[in-house]
């Protein structure tokens, strides 16, 4: 709900200013990488094994769920990972890694459907047959890949940090900056 409200309110800004702006995207990739590393280290200090976490989605409170939705809404900025924003938001609001990842994947479904639906409404469904085909293939491909990756990723985050993803984002942004933008 928070992401839908923010996305709807800022649709024009997102569509006309943010999307397609390479500087914003590469900056968000770089800053996001640094934040992933910093937040991961802070989370390690904040939550020890003795502190309690929401160990399942059912244990998340309404307040935590709304907070995760607000964290996810940062991803309206191109280059900000929707899943990373919601996972880290969930972890800092008291969810275990596994719960935050599972909730993030579930949160993706209504978020992406709402974003696609709004874009369809705003364009009066005026897609060419090729664009409809691309939309369908993209949806189907994403769904299949998500089914395959979700179980692996949940197991991965139980024993690993997000620091490698932060490093990857920093390297990708620097490569993009120096090779493509210059």
Protein backbone atom coordinates (compact mmCIF):
# COMPACT_ATOMS: atom_id res chain seq x y z
CA UNK A 1 0.00 0.00 0.00
CA UNK A 2 2.73 2.56 0.82
CA UNK A 3 4.52 1.87 -2.47
CA UNK A 4 1.25 2.10 -4.41
CA UNK A 5 0.38 5.45 -2.83
CA UNK A 6 3.85 6.90 -3.43
CA UNK A 7 4.05 5.44 -6.94
CA UNK A 8 0.64 6.83 -7.87
CA UNK A 9 1.39 10.25 -6.39
CA UNK A 10 4.78 10.51 -8.10
CA UNK A 11 3.91 8.72 -11.36
CA UNK A 12 4.73 11.75 -13.52
CA UNK A 13 8.07 12.36 -11.81
CA UNK A 14 8.98 8.68 -12.05
CA UNK A 15 7.99 8.37 -15.71
CA UNK A 16 9.31 11.74 -16.94
CA UNK A 17 12.37 12.41 -14.78
CA UNK A 18 13.65 9.30 -13.04
CA UNK A 19 13.21 6.53 -15.63
CA UNK A 20 15.85 6.78 -18.32
CA UNK A 21 18.14 9.06 -16.31
CA UNK A 22 21.47 7.21 -16.39
CA UNK A 23 23.06 9.44 -13.75
CA UNK A 24 20.30 8.68 -11.25
CA UNK A 25 20.48 4.96 -12.00
CA UNK A 26 24.26 4.66 -11.73
CA UNK A 27 24.30 6.83 -8.59
CA UNK A 28 21.59 4.69 -6.98
CA UNK A 29 23.55 1.53 -7.84
CA UNK A 30 26.70 2.94 -6.23
CA UNK A 31 25.03 4.41 -3.15
CA UNK A 32 22.90 1.29 -2.76
CA UNK A 33 26.02 -0.88 -2.75
CA UNK A 34 27.61 1.21 -0.02
CA UNK A 35 24.37 1.19 1.99
CA UNK A 36 24.03 -2.59 1.67
CA UNK A 37 27.48 -3.05 3.18
CA UNK A 38 26.97 -0.47 5.94
CA UNK A 39 23.47 -1.65 6.84
CA UNK A 40 24.59 -5.29 6.87
CA UNK A 41 27.37 -4.44 9.33
CA UNK A 42 24.98 -2.38 11.48
CA UNK A 43 22.41 -5.17 11.46
CA UNK A 44 25.03 -7.64 12.65
CA UNK A 45 25.78 -5.38 15.63
CA UNK A 46 22.11 -4.64 16.33
CA UNK A 47 20.79 -8.18 16.37
CA UNK A 48 22.63 -10.92 18.14
CA UNK A 49 21.49 -14.51 18.23
CA UNK A 50 19.89 -13.93 21.63
CA UNK A 51 17.52 -11.22 20.40
CA UNK A 52 14.15 -12.26 19.10
CA UNK A 53 13.15 -11.87 15.47
CA UNK A 54 9.89 -12.37 13.66
CA UNK A 55 10.70 -15.88 12.51
CA UNK A 56 7.74 -16.17 10.15
CA UNK A 57 5.59 -13.87 8.06
CA UNK A 58 2.68 -14.52 10.41
CA UNK A 59 4.69 -12.99 13.28
CA UNK A 60 5.14 -9.67 11.48
CA UNK A 61 2.99 -6.92 12.95
CA UNK A 62 0.92 -4.53 10.86
CA UNK A 63 3.37 -1.77 11.83
CA UNK A 64 6.33 -3.84 10.62
CA UNK A 65 4.52 -4.71 7.39
CA UNK A 66 3.77 -1.05 6.67
CA UNK A 67 7.38 -0.17 7.50
CA UNK A 68 8.63 -2.77 5.03
CA UNK A 69 6.26 -1.32 2.43
CA UNK A 70 7.69 2.15 3.09
CA UNK A 71 11.22 0.80 2.75
CA UNK A 72 10.23 -0.83 -0.53
CA UNK A 73 8.86 2.47 -1.85
CA UNK A 74 12.43 3.80 -2.13
CA UNK A 75 12.70 1.50 -5.14
CA UNK A 76 10.72 3.96 -7.26
CA UNK A 77 14.18 5.37 -7.91
CA UNK A 78 15.79 3.53 -10.84
CA UNK A 79 18.84 1.59 -9.69
CA UNK A 80 17.37 0.89 -6.25
CA UNK A 81 16.66 -2.79 -5.81
CA UNK A 82 13.06 -3.37 -4.73
CA UNK A 83 13.94 -6.63 -3.05
CA UNK A 84 17.01 -5.25 -1.27
CA UNK A 85 15.04 -2.26 0.02
CA UNK A 86 12.25 -4.45 1.40
CA UNK A 87 14.58 -7.15 2.75
CA UNK A 88 16.83 -4.70 4.58
CA UNK A 89 13.78 -2.77 5.77
CA UNK A 90 12.34 -6.00 7.14
CA UNK A 91 15.56 -6.98 8.86
CA UNK A 92 15.85 -3.60 10.56
CA UNK A 93 12.24 -3.78 11.68
CA UNK A 94 12.89 -7.06 13.50
CA UNK A 95 12.29 -9.76 10.91
CA UNK A 96 14.72 -12.63 10.57
CA UNK A 97 16.65 -12.79 7.31
CA UNK A 98 14.51 -15.64 6.03
CA UNK A 99 11.24 -13.91 6.96
CA UNK A 100 12.36 -10.64 5.36
CA UNK A 101 13.29 -12.45 2.13
CA UNK A 102 10.04 -14.43 2.01
CA UNK A 103 7.97 -11.31 2.72
CA UNK A 104 9.89 -9.39 0.05
CA UNK A 105 9.09 -12.02 -2.56
CA UNK A 106 5.41 -12.01 -1.60
CA UNK A 107 5.38 -8.21 -1.60
CA UNK A 108 6.70 -8.21 -5.17
CA UNK A 109 3.50 -9.69 -6.59
CA UNK A 110 1.02 -6.90 -5.77
CA UNK A 111 3.69 -4.23 -6.23
CA UNK A 112 4.61 -5.27 -9.76
CA UNK A 113 1.00 -5.93 -10.70
CA UNK A 114 0.00 -2.45 -9.46
CA UNK A 115 2.90 -0.75 -11.27
CA UNK A 116 2.11 -2.56 -14.51
CA UNK A 117 -1.62 -1.88 -14.11
CA UNK A 118 -1.04 1.83 -13.51
CA UNK A 119 1.23 2.07 -16.54
CA UNK A 120 -1.39 0.26 -18.64
CA UNK A 121 -4.07 2.69 -17.45
CA UNK A 122 -1.89 5.75 -17.99
CA UNK A 123 -1.10 4.67 -21.56
CA UNK A 124 -4.74 3.72 -22.24
CA UNK A 125 -3.64 0.16 -22.99
CA UNK A 126 -2.13 1.51 -26.22
CA UNK A 127 0.54 -1.11 -26.63
CA UNK A 128 1.41 -2.66 -29.94
CA UNK A 129 0.99 -6.40 -30.30
CA UNK A 130 4.76 -6.73 -29.98
CA UNK A 131 4.73 -4.81 -26.67
CA UNK A 132 1.91 -7.05 -25.35
CA UNK A 133 3.97 -10.08 -26.32
CA UNK A 134 7.02 -8.64 -24.54
CA UNK A 135 4.92 -7.96 -21.44
CA UNK A 136 3.61 -11.53 -21.44
CA UNK A 137 7.04 -13.09 -22.05
CA UNK A 138 8.57 -10.89 -19.34
CA UNK A 139 5.88 -11.87 -16.85
CA UNK A 140 6.14 -15.58 -17.65
CA UNK A 141 9.94 -15.55 -17.58
CA UNK A 142 10.05 -13.67 -14.28
CA UNK A 143 7.54 -16.04 -12.73
CA UNK A 144 9.48 -19.16 -13.76
CA UNK A 145 12.84 -17.76 -12.65
CA UNK A 146 11.33 -16.65 -9.31
CA UNK A 147 10.02 -20.16 -8.67
CA UNK A 148 13.48 -21.58 -9.27
CA UNK A 149 15.47 -18.94 -7.39
CA UNK A 150 13.34 -18.31 -4.29
CA UNK A 151 14.19 -21.53 -2.46
CA UNK A 152 17.89 -21.21 -3.22
CA UNK A 153 17.98 -17.55 -2.19
CA UNK A 154 16.16 -18.19 1.11
CA UNK A 155 18.74 -20.85 1.98
CA UNK A 156 21.59 -18.58 0.88
CA UNK A 157 20.61 -15.64 3.10
CA UNK A 158 20.28 -17.85 6.16
CA UNK A 159 24.04 -18.30 6.23
CA UNK A 160 25.40 -15.39 4.16
CA UNK A 161 25.31 -11.62 4.28
CA UNK A 162 24.35 -9.16 1.55
CA UNK A 163 27.89 -7.72 1.44
CA UNK A 164 28.75 -9.53 -1.84
CA UNK A 165 25.68 -7.91 -3.43
CA UNK A 166 26.86 -4.52 -2.18
CA UNK A 167 30.30 -5.06 -3.70
CA UNK A 168 28.69 -6.21 -6.96
CA UNK A 169 26.56 -3.04 -7.11
CA UNK A 170 29.57 -0.81 -6.54
CA UNK A 171 31.63 -2.57 -9.22
CA UNK A 172 28.70 -2.56 -11.69
CA UNK A 173 28.10 1.16 -11.15
CA UNK A 174 31.77 2.03 -11.59
CA UNK A 175 32.05 -0.07 -14.75
CA UNK A 176 28.92 1.52 -16.16
CA UNK A 177 30.17 4.99 -15.27
CA UNK A 178 33.63 4.59 -16.77
CA UNK A 179 32.77 2.46 -19.82
CA UNK A 180 29.32 3.62 -20.91
CA UNK A 181 28.83 7.11 -19.54
CA UNK A 182 32.29 8.51 -20.34
